[in-house]
N, C-alpha and C. Protein backbone atom coordinates (compact mmCIF):
# COMPACT_ATOMS: atom_id res chain seq x y z
N MET A 1 -16.22 -43.65 -47.81
CA MET A 1 -17.57 -43.38 -47.44
C MET A 1 -17.68 -43.42 -45.90
N PRO A 2 -18.26 -42.71 -45.09
CA PRO A 2 -18.58 -42.72 -43.83
C PRO A 2 -19.26 -43.87 -43.23
N ALA A 3 -18.89 -44.43 -42.18
CA ALA A 3 -19.61 -45.82 -41.74
C ALA A 3 -21.11 -45.78 -41.62
N PRO A 4 -21.77 -44.42 -40.97
CA PRO A 4 -22.99 -44.33 -40.77
C PRO A 4 -23.93 -44.48 -42.18
N LEU A 5 -23.23 -44.19 -43.26
CA LEU A 5 -24.02 -44.09 -44.49
C LEU A 5 -23.71 -45.52 -45.25
N ALA A 6 -22.66 -45.96 -44.90
CA ALA A 6 -22.50 -47.23 -45.72
C ALA A 6 -23.31 -48.65 -44.89
N LEU A 7 -23.69 -48.49 -43.73
CA LEU A 7 -24.43 -49.46 -43.01
C LEU A 7 -25.94 -49.24 -43.23
N SER A 8 -26.61 -50.49 -43.58
CA SER A 8 -28.00 -50.37 -43.68
C SER A 8 -28.68 -50.24 -41.88
N PRO A 9 -29.85 -49.91 -42.02
CA PRO A 9 -30.71 -50.19 -40.74
C PRO A 9 -30.57 -51.35 -40.04
N LEU A 10 -30.75 -52.42 -41.01
CA LEU A 10 -30.62 -53.74 -40.37
C LEU A 10 -29.30 -53.97 -39.56
N ALA A 11 -27.93 -53.51 -40.49
CA ALA A 11 -26.76 -53.67 -39.73
C ALA A 11 -26.81 -53.09 -38.34
N TRP A 12 -27.27 -51.81 -38.14
CA TRP A 12 -27.20 -50.98 -37.29
C TRP A 12 -27.82 -51.80 -36.03
N THR A 13 -29.28 -52.42 -36.52
CA THR A 13 -30.00 -53.04 -35.52
C THR A 13 -29.36 -54.31 -35.14
N ALA A 14 -28.54 -55.02 -35.88
CA ALA A 14 -27.55 -56.18 -35.50
C ALA A 14 -26.55 -55.73 -34.56
N ILE A 15 -25.98 -54.35 -34.68
CA ILE A 15 -24.74 -53.73 -33.87
C ILE A 15 -25.05 -53.78 -32.69
N ARG A 16 -26.59 -53.00 -32.43
CA ARG A 16 -27.23 -52.77 -31.14
C ARG A 16 -27.56 -54.21 -30.52
N LEU A 17 -28.20 -55.21 -31.20
CA LEU A 17 -28.52 -56.09 -30.37
C LEU A 17 -27.28 -57.02 -29.80
N GLY A 18 -26.11 -56.77 -30.70
CA GLY A 18 -24.84 -57.52 -30.36
C GLY A 18 -24.39 -56.95 -29.07
N ALA A 19 -24.57 -55.48 -28.94
CA ALA A 19 -24.05 -54.83 -27.92
C ALA A 19 -24.68 -55.00 -26.63
N VAL A 20 -26.37 -55.20 -26.72
CA VAL A 20 -26.92 -55.52 -25.54
C VAL A 20 -26.64 -57.22 -25.03
N ALA A 21 -26.23 -58.03 -26.16
CA ALA A 21 -26.22 -59.52 -25.68
C ALA A 21 -24.67 -59.62 -24.91
N ALA A 22 -23.68 -58.73 -25.51
CA ALA A 22 -22.46 -58.83 -25.10
C ALA A 22 -22.29 -58.13 -23.54
N LEU A 23 -23.26 -57.02 -23.32
CA LEU A 23 -23.26 -56.70 -21.94
C LEU A 23 -23.99 -57.67 -21.02
N GLY A 24 -24.98 -58.41 -21.47
CA GLY A 24 -25.83 -59.30 -20.53
C GLY A 24 -24.78 -60.41 -20.33
N LEU A 25 -23.87 -60.99 -21.43
CA LEU A 25 -22.99 -61.93 -21.12
C LEU A 25 -21.95 -61.53 -19.90
N TYR A 26 -21.40 -60.19 -20.03
CA TYR A 26 -20.69 -59.83 -19.31
C TYR A 26 -21.00 -59.54 -17.89
N ALA A 27 -22.45 -59.22 -17.69
CA ALA A 27 -22.68 -58.88 -16.44
C ALA A 27 -23.13 -60.36 -15.81
N SER A 28 -23.54 -61.34 -16.64
CA SER A 28 -23.63 -62.70 -16.12
C SER A 28 -22.53 -63.51 -15.50
N ARG A 29 -21.34 -63.11 -16.09
CA ARG A 29 -20.06 -63.62 -15.88
C ARG A 29 -19.38 -63.10 -14.92
N ARG A 30 -19.53 -61.75 -14.54
CA ARG A 30 -18.93 -60.77 -13.45
C ARG A 30 -19.53 -61.31 -12.10
N ARG A 31 -20.62 -61.92 -11.86
CA ARG A 31 -21.01 -61.86 -10.41
C ARG A 31 -20.20 -63.30 -10.02
N GLY A 32 -19.60 -64.06 -10.79
CA GLY A 32 -19.05 -65.30 -10.26
C GLY A 32 -19.88 -66.21 -9.89
N SER A 33 -19.64 -67.26 -8.82
CA SER A 33 -20.23 -68.44 -8.45
C SER A 33 -20.76 -68.13 -7.12
N GLU A 34 -21.27 -66.94 -6.73
CA GLU A 34 -21.68 -66.76 -5.40
C GLU A 34 -23.11 -67.48 -5.18
N PRO A 35 -23.19 -67.86 -4.21
CA PRO A 35 -24.59 -68.83 -3.95
C PRO A 35 -25.77 -67.79 -3.43
N LYS A 36 -26.95 -67.98 -3.97
CA LYS A 36 -27.95 -67.01 -3.59
C LYS A 36 -28.46 -67.48 -2.30
N ASP A 37 -28.97 -66.31 -1.44
CA ASP A 37 -29.41 -66.53 -0.17
C ASP A 37 -30.75 -67.18 -0.29
N ALA A 38 -31.08 -68.20 0.12
CA ALA A 38 -32.23 -69.05 0.11
C ALA A 38 -33.44 -68.12 0.93
N ARG A 39 -33.04 -67.42 1.76
CA ARG A 39 -34.25 -66.48 2.42
C ARG A 39 -34.77 -65.66 1.50
N ASN A 40 -33.83 -64.90 0.71
CA ASN A 40 -34.13 -63.81 -0.13
C ASN A 40 -35.07 -64.67 -1.50
N GLU A 41 -34.78 -65.85 -1.46
CA GLU A 41 -35.41 -66.60 -2.62
C GLU A 41 -36.78 -66.98 -2.37
N ALA A 42 -37.06 -67.24 -1.13
CA ALA A 42 -38.06 -67.70 -0.70
C ALA A 42 -39.07 -66.40 -0.53
N THR A 43 -38.65 -65.46 -0.10
CA THR A 43 -39.34 -64.10 -0.11
C THR A 43 -39.97 -63.57 -1.36
N LEU A 44 -39.23 -63.62 -2.45
CA LEU A 44 -39.63 -63.45 -3.68
C LEU A 44 -40.43 -64.54 -4.23
N ASP A 45 -40.20 -65.67 -4.00
CA ASP A 45 -41.07 -66.68 -4.61
C ASP A 45 -42.62 -66.77 -3.79
N GLU A 46 -42.58 -66.38 -2.56
CA GLU A 46 -43.89 -66.18 -1.91
C GLU A 46 -44.79 -65.05 -2.36
N MET A 47 -44.19 -63.76 -2.80
CA MET A 47 -44.80 -62.55 -3.16
C MET A 47 -46.09 -62.96 -4.12
N PRO A 48 -47.15 -62.07 -3.91
CA PRO A 48 -48.26 -62.31 -4.94
C PRO A 48 -47.92 -61.80 -6.15
N GLU A 49 -48.56 -61.96 -7.07
CA GLU A 49 -48.60 -61.72 -8.49
C GLU A 49 -49.21 -60.19 -8.42
N GLY A 50 -48.71 -59.05 -9.04
CA GLY A 50 -49.46 -57.73 -9.27
C GLY A 50 -48.36 -56.56 -8.35
N PHE A 51 -48.85 -55.52 -8.17
CA PHE A 51 -48.10 -54.18 -7.73
C PHE A 51 -48.73 -53.65 -6.50
N HIS A 52 -47.88 -53.39 -5.43
CA HIS A 52 -48.54 -52.87 -4.47
C HIS A 52 -47.49 -51.97 -3.67
N ALA A 53 -48.05 -50.92 -3.45
CA ALA A 53 -47.31 -49.70 -2.80
C ALA A 53 -48.19 -49.10 -1.74
N HIS A 54 -47.36 -48.92 -0.64
CA HIS A 54 -48.00 -48.09 0.66
C HIS A 54 -46.60 -47.15 1.31
N SER A 55 -47.24 -46.27 1.99
CA SER A 55 -46.60 -45.35 2.58
C SER A 55 -46.56 -45.92 4.16
N HIS A 56 -45.40 -45.14 4.87
CA HIS A 56 -45.15 -45.33 6.26
C HIS A 56 -45.47 -44.01 6.88
N ARG A 57 -46.14 -43.63 7.72
CA ARG A 57 -46.41 -42.61 8.55
C ARG A 57 -45.69 -42.54 9.56
N ALA A 58 -45.12 -43.65 10.05
CA ALA A 58 -44.36 -43.78 11.33
C ALA A 58 -42.92 -43.35 10.93
N GLU A 59 -42.51 -43.31 9.99
CA GLU A 59 -41.25 -42.93 9.57
C GLU A 59 -40.92 -41.36 9.57
N ALA A 60 -39.88 -40.79 10.26
CA ALA A 60 -39.43 -39.39 9.87
C ALA A 60 -39.82 -38.64 8.86
N GLU A 61 -39.50 -39.35 7.68
CA GLU A 61 -39.42 -38.78 6.23
C GLU A 61 -40.44 -39.46 5.45
N SER A 62 -40.70 -39.06 4.26
CA SER A 62 -41.85 -39.86 3.56
C SER A 62 -41.08 -40.76 2.91
N ALA A 63 -41.82 -41.98 3.03
CA ALA A 63 -41.18 -43.18 2.43
C ALA A 63 -42.55 -43.92 1.82
N VAL A 64 -42.27 -44.45 0.58
CA VAL A 64 -43.17 -45.56 0.07
C VAL A 64 -42.40 -46.86 -0.33
N HIS A 65 -43.03 -47.69 0.32
CA HIS A 65 -42.32 -49.11 0.07
C HIS A 65 -43.21 -49.70 -0.89
N GLY A 66 -42.93 -50.74 -1.90
CA GLY A 66 -43.76 -51.20 -2.89
C GLY A 66 -42.99 -52.79 -2.95
N ARG A 67 -43.96 -53.55 -3.76
CA ARG A 67 -43.59 -54.80 -4.32
C ARG A 67 -44.32 -54.91 -5.45
N GLY A 68 -43.81 -55.90 -6.25
CA GLY A 68 -44.24 -56.14 -7.55
C GLY A 68 -43.80 -57.58 -8.06
N ARG A 69 -44.82 -58.17 -8.70
CA ARG A 69 -44.16 -59.40 -9.46
C ARG A 69 -44.95 -59.66 -10.60
N LEU A 70 -44.41 -59.96 -11.59
CA LEU A 70 -44.76 -60.46 -12.96
C LEU A 70 -44.53 -61.86 -13.24
N ARG A 71 -45.60 -62.70 -13.57
CA ARG A 71 -45.06 -64.13 -14.06
C ARG A 71 -45.87 -64.26 -15.26
N ARG A 72 -45.24 -64.60 -16.39
CA ARG A 72 -45.62 -64.90 -17.68
C ARG A 72 -44.99 -66.03 -18.52
N VAL A 73 -45.89 -66.91 -19.14
CA VAL A 73 -45.25 -67.67 -20.03
C VAL A 73 -45.26 -67.55 -21.52
N PHE A 74 -44.41 -67.35 -22.17
CA PHE A 74 -44.03 -67.13 -23.62
C PHE A 74 -43.86 -68.23 -24.40
N ARG A 75 -45.06 -68.82 -25.53
CA ARG A 75 -44.72 -69.82 -26.36
C ARG A 75 -44.33 -69.53 -27.84
N PHE A 76 -43.53 -70.22 -28.24
CA PHE A 76 -43.10 -69.85 -29.49
C PHE A 76 -44.30 -70.27 -30.51
N ARG A 77 -44.84 -71.50 -30.39
CA ARG A 77 -45.90 -72.10 -31.01
C ARG A 77 -47.16 -72.42 -30.02
N ALA A 78 -48.20 -72.67 -30.65
CA ALA A 78 -49.45 -73.00 -29.47
C ALA A 78 -49.00 -74.01 -28.70
N THR A 79 -48.53 -75.30 -29.31
CA THR A 79 -48.23 -76.37 -28.63
C THR A 79 -46.47 -76.51 -28.31
N GLY A 80 -45.87 -75.77 -28.83
CA GLY A 80 -44.44 -75.89 -28.70
C GLY A 80 -43.80 -75.51 -27.22
N PRO A 81 -42.36 -75.41 -27.39
CA PRO A 81 -41.82 -75.10 -26.02
C PRO A 81 -42.23 -73.51 -25.64
N GLY A 82 -41.85 -73.45 -24.22
CA GLY A 82 -42.14 -71.96 -23.96
C GLY A 82 -40.95 -71.48 -23.20
N VAL A 83 -41.25 -70.15 -22.66
CA VAL A 83 -40.18 -69.67 -21.57
C VAL A 83 -41.07 -69.08 -20.54
N GLU A 84 -40.72 -69.26 -19.32
CA GLU A 84 -41.36 -68.65 -18.16
C GLU A 84 -40.62 -67.50 -17.68
N VAL A 85 -41.28 -66.37 -17.70
CA VAL A 85 -40.64 -65.00 -17.01
C VAL A 85 -41.07 -64.87 -15.79
N ASP A 86 -40.39 -64.87 -14.78
CA ASP A 86 -41.00 -64.39 -13.37
C ASP A 86 -39.87 -63.21 -12.84
N ALA A 87 -40.59 -62.19 -12.86
CA ALA A 87 -39.80 -60.87 -12.39
C ALA A 87 -40.45 -60.41 -11.20
N ALA A 88 -39.64 -60.53 -10.06
CA ALA A 88 -40.18 -60.27 -8.73
C ALA A 88 -39.28 -58.93 -8.06
N ALA A 89 -39.77 -57.82 -7.34
CA ALA A 89 -38.96 -56.75 -6.83
C ALA A 89 -39.40 -56.33 -5.81
N LEU A 90 -38.73 -55.90 -4.92
CA LEU A 90 -38.85 -55.30 -3.46
C LEU A 90 -38.31 -54.01 -3.75
N GLY A 91 -38.93 -52.73 -3.37
CA GLY A 91 -38.13 -51.50 -3.39
C GLY A 91 -38.72 -50.37 -2.29
N ARG A 92 -37.70 -49.64 -2.51
CA ARG A 92 -38.48 -48.18 -1.46
C ARG A 92 -37.80 -46.92 -2.26
N LEU A 93 -38.60 -46.19 -2.07
CA LEU A 93 -38.50 -44.72 -2.77
C LEU A 93 -38.67 -43.90 -1.48
N ARG A 94 -37.67 -43.24 -1.20
CA ARG A 94 -37.57 -42.14 -0.26
C ARG A 94 -37.23 -40.78 -0.13
N PHE A 95 -37.92 -39.81 0.21
CA PHE A 95 -37.96 -38.49 0.03
C PHE A 95 -37.45 -37.84 1.27
N ARG A 96 -36.28 -37.15 1.55
CA ARG A 96 -35.93 -36.44 2.71
C ARG A 96 -35.67 -34.93 2.44
N ARG A 97 -36.06 -34.29 3.27
CA ARG A 97 -35.60 -32.73 3.21
C ARG A 97 -34.45 -32.37 3.68
N VAL A 98 -33.48 -31.93 2.78
CA VAL A 98 -32.01 -31.55 3.27
C VAL A 98 -32.20 -30.12 3.57
N ASP A 99 -31.54 -29.67 4.68
CA ASP A 99 -31.44 -28.41 4.89
C ASP A 99 -29.84 -28.03 4.56
């Protein structure tokens, strides 16, 4: 019997979650023990929560600069332990005309 027919949907879900966990473990170990730059960490910590984007007219090409931060606390029970998720990002999206 072929493998796709033999495995239940629950088994396929377990395989997918296992693959994502293995990829995350590989990515976290691949970086090594490089120290983080304190200036970059301070910049991300000082960023206000929410999303903000603006364009620069002074640049030769069209560019949009943006920043965003999301901080949430997820609790497993009402009074139980929780996990704080703090996602911050700075970015630039640039469009240039190429001749």
